[in-house]
C-alpha atoms as a PDB file:
ATOM      1  CA  MET A   1       0.212  -0.200   0.097  1.00  0.00           C
ATOM      2  CA  GLU A   2       1.131   3.403  -1.020  1.00  0.00           C
ATOM      3  CA  GLU A   3       1.951   5.943   2.033  1.00  0.00           C
ATOM      4  CA  PRO A   4       0.430   9.230   2.077  1.00  0.00           C
ATOM      5  CA  GLN A   5       2.595  12.275   1.115  1.00  0.00           C
ATOM      6  CA  ARG A   6       2.611  12.946   5.216  1.00  0.00           C
ATOM      7  CA  ARG A   7       1.632  10.634   8.057  1.00  0.00           C
ATOM      8  CA  ILE A   8       2.689  10.827  12.155  1.00  0.00           C
ATOM      9  CA  ARG A   9       4.019   7.501  12.658  1.00  0.00           C
ATOM     10  CA  ALA A  10       5.006   6.310  16.137  1.00  0.00           C
ATOM     11  CA  ALA A  11       5.306   3.806  18.625  1.00  0.00           C
ATOM     12  CA  TYR A  12       2.084   3.983  21.002  1.00  0.00           C
ATOM     13  CA  THR A  13      -0.407   2.456  23.637  1.00  0.00           C
ATOM     14  CA  ALA A  14      -3.546   3.096  24.426  1.00  0.00           C
ATOM     15  CA  SER A  15      -2.591   6.164  26.283  1.00  0.00           C
ATOM     16  CA  THR A  16       1.029   7.329  25.983  1.00  0.00           C
ATOM     17  CA  ILE A  17       3.185   8.010  22.698  1.00  0.00           C
ATOM     18  CA  THR A  18       6.864   7.651  22.407  1.00  0.00           C
ATOM     19  CA  VAL A  19       9.181  10.688  20.763  1.00  0.00           C
ATOM     20  CA  TYR A  20      12.786  10.982  20.501  1.00  0.00           C
ATOM     21  CA  GLN A  21      15.288  13.895  21.275  1.00  0.00           C
ATOM     22  CA  ALA A  22      19.016  13.371  21.891  1.00  0.00           C
ATOM     23  CA  TYR A  23      21.065  15.513  23.891  1.00  0.00           C
ATOM     24  CA  SER A  24      24.527  15.495  25.352  1.00  0.00           C
ATOM     25  CA  PRO A  25      25.416  12.860  28.094  1.00  0.00           C
ATOM     26  CA  GLU A  26      24.999  15.942  30.707  1.00  0.00           C
ATOM     27  CA  ILE A  27      21.783  16.379  29.968  1.00  0.00           C
ATOM     28  CA  GLY A  28      20.657  13.108  28.463  1.00  0.00           C
ATOM     29  CA  ARG A  29      22.315  10.493  31.201  1.00  0.00           C
ATOM     30  CA  PRO A  30      20.081  12.201  34.109  1.00  0.00           C
ATOM     31  CA  ALA A  31      17.483  12.423  32.215  1.00  0.00           C
ATOM     32  CA  ALA A  32      17.107   8.836  31.702  1.00  0.00           C
ATOM     33  CA  ARG A  33      17.985   8.085  35.221  1.00  0.00           C
ATOM     34  CA  GLU A  34      15.893  10.489  37.144  1.00  0.00           C
ATOM     35  CA  GLY A  35      12.860   9.710  33.982  1.00  0.00           C
ATOM     36  CA  ARG A  36      12.534  13.717  34.323  1.00  0.00           C
ATOM     37  CA  PHE A  37      14.850  16.438  32.662  1.00  0.00           C
ATOM     38  CA  PRO A  38      17.347  17.815  35.091  1.00  0.00           C
ATOM     39  CA  ASN A  39      17.831  21.344  36.117  1.00  0.00           C
ATOM     40  CA  ALA A  40      20.469  21.971  33.252  1.00  0.00           C
ATOM     41  CA  TRP A  41      17.462  21.137  30.127  1.00  0.00           C
ATOM     42  CA  LYS A  42      16.779  24.644  29.388  1.00  0.00           C
ATOM     43  CA  ARG A  43      13.020  25.372  29.758  1.00  0.00           C
ATOM     44  CA  ASP A  44      13.120  28.940  27.822  1.00  0.00           C
ATOM     45  CA  ARG A  45      14.121  27.457  24.516  1.00  0.00           C
ATOM     46  CA  MET A  46      12.533  25.532  22.011  1.00  0.00           C
ATOM     47  CA  THR A  47      12.438  21.741  22.024  1.00  0.00           C
ATOM     48  CA  TRP A  48      11.686  19.569  19.065  1.00  0.00           C
ATOM     49  CA  ILE A  49      10.146  16.044  19.606  1.00  0.00           C
ATOM     50  CA  LYS A  50      10.156  13.352  16.850  1.00  0.00           C
ATOM     51  CA  PRO A  51       7.566  10.301  16.736  1.00  0.00           C
ATOM     52  CA  SER A  52      10.100   8.790  14.240  1.00  0.00           C
ATOM     53  CA  PHE A  53      13.028   7.002  15.169  1.00  0.00           C
ATOM     54  CA  LEU A  54      14.847   6.761  11.948  1.00  0.00           C
ATOM     55  CA  TRP A  55      14.227  10.524  11.734  1.00  0.00           C
ATOM     56  CA  MET A  56      15.769  11.061  15.065  1.00  0.00           C
ATOM     57  CA  MET A  57      18.881   8.797  14.001  1.00  0.00           C
ATOM     58  CA  TYR A  58      19.456  11.201  10.710  1.00  0.00           C
ATOM     59  CA  ARG A  59      18.996  14.321  12.826  1.00  0.00           C
ATOM     60  CA  CYS A  60      21.936  13.215  15.524  1.00  0.00           C
ATOM     61  CA  GLY A  61      23.947  10.644  13.064  1.00  0.00           C
ATOM     62  CA  TRP A  62      22.872   7.369  15.334  1.00  0.00           C
ATOM     63  CA  GLY A  63      23.931   9.587  18.645  1.00  0.00           C
ATOM     64  CA  THR A  64      27.518  10.222  17.124  1.00  0.00           C
ATOM     65  CA  LYS A  65      27.110  14.241  16.611  1.00  0.00           C
ATOM     66  CA  ALA A  66      28.533  16.573  19.126  1.00  0.00           C
ATOM     67  CA  GLY A  67      25.813  17.788  21.906  1.00  0.00           C
ATOM     68  CA  GLN A  68      23.382  14.719  20.565  1.00  0.00           C
ATOM     69  CA  GLU A  69      25.427  11.256  21.985  1.00  0.00           C
ATOM     70  CA  THR A  70      22.432  10.287  24.389  1.00  0.00           C
ATOM     71  CA  VAL A  71      19.374   9.127  22.439  1.00  0.00           C
ATOM     72  CA  LEU A  72      16.278   9.578  24.334  1.00  0.00           C
ATOM     73  CA  ALA A  73      12.783   7.617  23.859  1.00  0.00           C
ATOM     74  CA  VAL A  74      10.228  10.185  25.824  1.00  0.00           C
ATOM     75  CA  GLU A  75       7.051   8.294  26.767  1.00  0.00           C
ATOM     76  CA  ILE A  76       4.531  11.100  26.626  1.00  0.00           C
ATOM     77  CA  THR A  77       0.558  10.882  27.486  1.00  0.00           C
ATOM     78  CA  ARG A  78      -1.476  10.748  24.175  1.00  0.00           C
ATOM     79  CA  ASP A  79      -3.557  14.071  25.542  1.00  0.00           C
ATOM     80  CA  GLY A  80      -0.514  15.871  26.055  1.00  0.00           C
ATOM     81  CA  PHE A  81       0.615  14.882  22.402  1.00  0.00           C
ATOM     82  CA  GLU A  82      -2.529  15.415  20.827  1.00  0.00           C
ATOM     83  CA  TRP A  83      -2.733  18.869  23.022  1.00  0.00           C
ATOM     84  CA  ALA A  84       0.610  20.209  21.314  1.00  0.00           C
ATOM     85  CA  LEU A  85      -1.106  19.169  17.979  1.00  0.00           C
ATOM     86  CA  ARG A  86      -4.050  21.264  18.581  1.00  0.00           C
ATOM     87  CA  ASN A  87      -2.648  24.140  19.796  1.00  0.00           C
ATOM     88  CA  ALA A  88       0.323  23.846  16.661  1.00  0.00           C
ATOM     89  CA  CYS A  89       1.115  26.147  13.923  1.00  0.00           C
ATOM     90  CA  LEU A  90       2.925  25.232  10.880  1.00  0.00           C
ATOM     91  CA  SER A  91       6.139  26.190  10.912  1.00  0.00           C
ATOM     92  CA  SER A  92       6.392  27.555   7.412  1.00  0.00           C
ATOM     93  CA  TYR A  93       3.940  29.718   5.177  1.00  0.00           C
ATOM     94  CA  VAL A  94       2.048  27.946   3.232  1.00  0.00           C
ATOM     95  CA  ARG A  95      -0.108  29.287   0.370  1.00  0.00           C
ATOM     96  CA  GLY A  96      -3.790  28.238   0.687  1.00  0.00           C
ATOM     97  CA  VAL A  97      -3.258  27.126   3.858  1.00  0.00           C
ATOM     98  CA  HIS A  98      -2.899  30.540   5.835  1.00  0.00           C
ATOM     99  CA  PRO A  99      -5.165  33.553   4.142  1.00  0.00           C
ATOM    100  CA  ASP A 100      -1.524  35.337   4.004  1.00  0.00           C
ATOM    101  CA  ARG A 101       2.053  35.583   5.218  1.00  0.00           C
ATOM    102  CA  ALA A 102       1.296  38.238   7.641  1.00  0.00           C
ATOM    103  CA  THR A 103      -1.486  36.057   9.343  1.00  0.00           C
ATOM    104  CA  TRP A 104       0.651  32.834   9.713  1.00  0.00           C
ATOM    105  CA  GLN A 105       3.639  35.006  11.280  1.00  0.00           C
ATOM    106  CA  ARG A 106       1.357  36.133  13.902  1.00  0.00           C
ATOM    107  CA  GLN A 107      -0.194  32.664  14.486  1.00  0.00           C
ATOM    108  CA  LEU A 108       3.440  31.435  14.940  1.00  0.00           C
ATOM    109  CA  LYS A 109       4.163  33.940  17.324  1.00  0.00           C
ATOM    110  CA  HIS A 110       1.611  32.743  19.800  1.00  0.00           C
ATOM    111  CA  ALA A 111       1.481  29.281  19.183  1.00  0.00           C
ATOM    112  CA  PRO A 112       3.189  27.267  21.934  1.00  0.00           C
ATOM    113  CA  THR A 113       3.809  24.303  19.718  1.00  0.00           C
ATOM    114  CA  ARG A 114       5.351  23.958  16.135  1.00  0.00           C
ATOM    115  CA  ILE A 115       4.544  21.329  13.475  1.00  0.00           C
ATOM    116  CA  GLN A 116       7.304  20.464  10.405  1.00  0.00           C
ATOM    117  CA  TRP A 117       6.796  18.045   7.817  1.00  0.00           C
ATOM    118  CA  ASP A 118      10.355  16.223   6.761  1.00  0.00           C
ATOM    119  CA  PRO A 119      11.315  13.507   4.802  1.00  0.00           C
ATOM    120  CA  GLU A 120      11.183  10.139   7.064  1.00  0.00           C
ATOM    121  CA  ARG A 121      14.430   8.058   6.516  1.00  0.00           C
ATOM    122  CA  ASP A 122      14.897   4.403   5.704  1.00  0.00           C
ATOM    123  CA  LEU A 123      18.101   2.649   7.654  1.00  0.00           C
ATOM    124  CA  ARG A 124      20.648   3.948   5.423  1.00  0.00           C
ATOM    125  CA  LEU A 125      19.388   7.249   6.277  1.00  0.00           C
ATOM    126  CA  HIS A 126      18.247   8.107   2.970  1.00  0.00           C
ATOM    127  CA  ALA A 127      15.391  10.386   2.233  1.00  0.00           C
ATOM    128  CA  LEU A 128      12.064   8.966   1.606  1.00  0.00           C
ATOM    129  CA  PRO A 129       9.029  10.369  -0.746  1.00  0.00           C
ATOM    130  CA  TYR A 130       7.133  10.813   1.917  1.00  0.00           C
ATOM    131  CA  ARG A 131       7.335  12.977   5.462  1.00  0.00           C
ATOM    132  CA  SER A 132       7.097  12.304   8.983  1.00  0.00           C
ATOM    133  CA  LEU A 133       6.041  14.734  11.944  1.00  0.00           C
ATOM    134  CA  GLN A 134       8.475  16.996  13.972  1.00  0.00           C
ATOM    135  CA  LEU A 135       6.762  18.728  16.760  1.00  0.00           C
ATOM    136  CA  GLY A 136       8.378  21.746  18.544  1.00  0.00           C
ATOM    137  CA  LEU A 137       7.901  22.885  21.859  1.00  0.00           C
ATOM    138  CA  SER A 138       8.203  26.187  23.614  1.00  0.00           C
ATOM    139  CA  GLY A 139       6.704  28.101  26.369  1.00  0.00           C
ATOM    140  CA  GLU A 140       3.722  26.740  27.964  1.00  0.00           C
ATOM    141  CA  ALA A 141       4.068  23.237  25.674  1.00  0.00           C
ATOM    142  CA  VAL A 142       7.711  22.831  27.436  1.00  0.00           C
ATOM    143  CA  ARG A 143       6.517  23.345  30.767  1.00  0.00           C
ATOM    144  CA  ARG A 144       3.672  20.938  30.256  1.00  0.00           C
ATOM    145  CA  TYR A 145       6.167  18.570  28.258  1.00  0.00           C
ATOM    146  CA  ALA A 146       8.266  18.124  30.987  1.00  0.00           C
ATOM    147  CA  ASP A 147       6.015  18.515  33.912  1.00  0.00           C
ATOM    148  CA  ASP A 148       2.397  17.003  33.135  1.00  0.00           C
ATOM    149  CA  TRP A 149       3.030  14.688  29.765  1.00  0.00           C
ATOM    150  CA  THR A 150       6.288  12.664  30.682  1.00  0.00           C
ATOM    151  CA  VAL A 151       5.578   9.258  32.089  1.00  0.00           C
ATOM    152  CA  SER A 152       8.953   7.809  31.337  1.00  0.00           C
ATOM    153  CA  ILE A 153      12.421   8.247  29.527  1.00  0.00           C
ATOM    154  CA  SER A 154      14.908   5.567  28.167  1.00  0.00           C
ATOM    155  CA  ASP A 155      18.435   5.492  27.389  1.00  0.00           C
ATOM    156  CA  VAL A 156      17.857   4.222  23.839  1.00  0.00           C
ATOM    157  CA  THR A 157      21.507   5.062  22.403  1.00  0.00           C
ATOM    158  CA  PRO A 158      22.708   1.498  22.799  1.00  0.00           C
ATOM    159  CA  LEU A 159      20.045   0.197  20.475  1.00  0.00           C
ATOM    160  CA  ALA A 160      21.074   2.938  17.965  1.00  0.00           C
ATOM    161  CA  HIS A 161      24.229   1.932  17.924  1.00  0.00           C
ATOM    162  CA  GLU A 162      23.580  -1.422  17.427  1.00  0.00           C
ATOM    163  CA  ILE A 163      21.148  -0.721  14.426  1.00  0.00           C
ATOM    164  CA  HIS A 164      23.636   1.464  12.961  1.00  0.00           C
ATOM    165  CA  GLU A 165      26.602  -1.604  12.991  1.00  0.00           C
ATOM    166  CA  LEU A 166      24.488  -3.808  11.758  1.00  0.00           C
ATOM    167  CA  VAL A 167      23.201  -1.112   8.698  1.00  0.00           C
ATOM    168  CA  GLY A 168      27.234  -0.703   8.564  1.00  0.00           C
ATOM    169  CA  ASN A 169      27.781  -4.490   8.067  1.00  0.00           C
ATOM    170  CA  GLY A 170      24.770  -4.707   5.204  1.00  0.00           C
ATOM    171  CA  ASP A 171      22.314  -6.753   7.617  1.00  0.00           C
ATOM    172  CA  LEU A 172      19.683  -4.607   6.822  1.00  0.00           C
ATOM    173  CA  GLU A 173      17.310  -7.222   7.687  1.00  0.00           C
ATOM    174  CA  SER A 174      18.337  -7.759  11.172  1.00  0.00           C
ATOM    175  CA  ALA A 175      18.650  -3.924  11.876  1.00  0.00           C
ATOM    176  CA  ALA A 176      15.422  -3.644  10.719  1.00  0.00           C
ATOM    177  CA  ARG A 177      13.968  -6.474  13.039  1.00  0.00           C
ATOM    178  CA  LEU A 178      15.640  -4.349  15.948  1.00  0.00           C
ATOM    179  CA  LEU A 179      13.588  -0.789  15.242  1.00  0.00           C
ATOM    180  CA  PRO A 180      10.777   0.396  17.301  1.00  0.00           C
ATOM    181  CA  GLN A 181       7.545  -1.006  15.754  1.00  0.00           C
ATOM    182  CA  GLU A 182       6.091   2.442  14.489  1.00  0.00           C
ATOM    183  CA  ARG A 183       2.283   2.481  12.940  1.00  0.00           C
ATOM    184  CA  PRO A 184      -0.033   5.197  11.915  1.00  0.00           C
ATOM    185  CA  TYR A 185      -0.675   7.304  14.383  1.00  0.00           C
ATOM    186  CA  PRO A 186      -4.910   7.932  14.676  1.00  0.00           C
ATOM    187  CA  ALA A 187      -4.721  11.791  14.664  1.00  0.00           C
ATOM    188  CA  PRO A 188      -8.015  12.859  16.434  1.00  0.00           C
ATOM    189  CA  GLU A 189     -10.703  14.271  14.347  1.00  0.00           C
ATOM    190  CA  GLU A 190     -10.818  17.400  16.250  1.00  0.00           C
ATOM    191  CA  LEU A 191      -7.536  18.417  14.693  1.00  0.00           C
ATOM    192  CA  PRO A 192      -7.436  22.309  12.912  1.00  0.00           C
ATOM    193  CA  ALA A 193      -7.596  21.671   9.361  1.00  0.00           C
ATOM    194  CA  HIS A 194      -4.133  23.196   8.965  1.00  0.00           C
ATOM    195  CA  VAL A 195      -2.065  20.753  10.924  1.00  0.00           C
ATOM    196  CA  ARG A 196      -4.269  17.569   9.870  1.00  0.00           C
ATOM    197  CA  PRO A 197      -1.595  14.640   8.350  1.00  0.00           C
END
């Protein structure tokens, strides 16, 4: 079956969804150990969460890029994730979606979350012809993410390295078996049209 151009793909349960982030060990290790982001984690900055494991691997280079050596799987409530979607603005102006550029800029300035659709990746991190979600959190959304939505935080760096090694050895079949089981996420019906996949 052909993939739609845009889709939220994620590992999720009845009440939670897993998103990925990568940090320096100084932030990532305490977060995984305590199940909460440490005081050194900056709440006044925009933070981007990615439901796609392979998109996160593309972004952090399998946990090898400076400042992104610790890959975290953050399990958050679906209620929180869907609040973020409902309150989001697209990260770039789209003619026909927004009445005009000025309206989009006003929406962007006041929205606590941003939606960006980026090419999904394969195991070799090549771009695929369809897109997956990135969600930027700022202001109120960052506080809710850290204090209310987060259920657990796990360090999945060893998994990233193991999959990367298998890919490097050409064993894509074994690498694929280790990937988190992501499936299409059922976007709520009440989502505004401009943020629906």
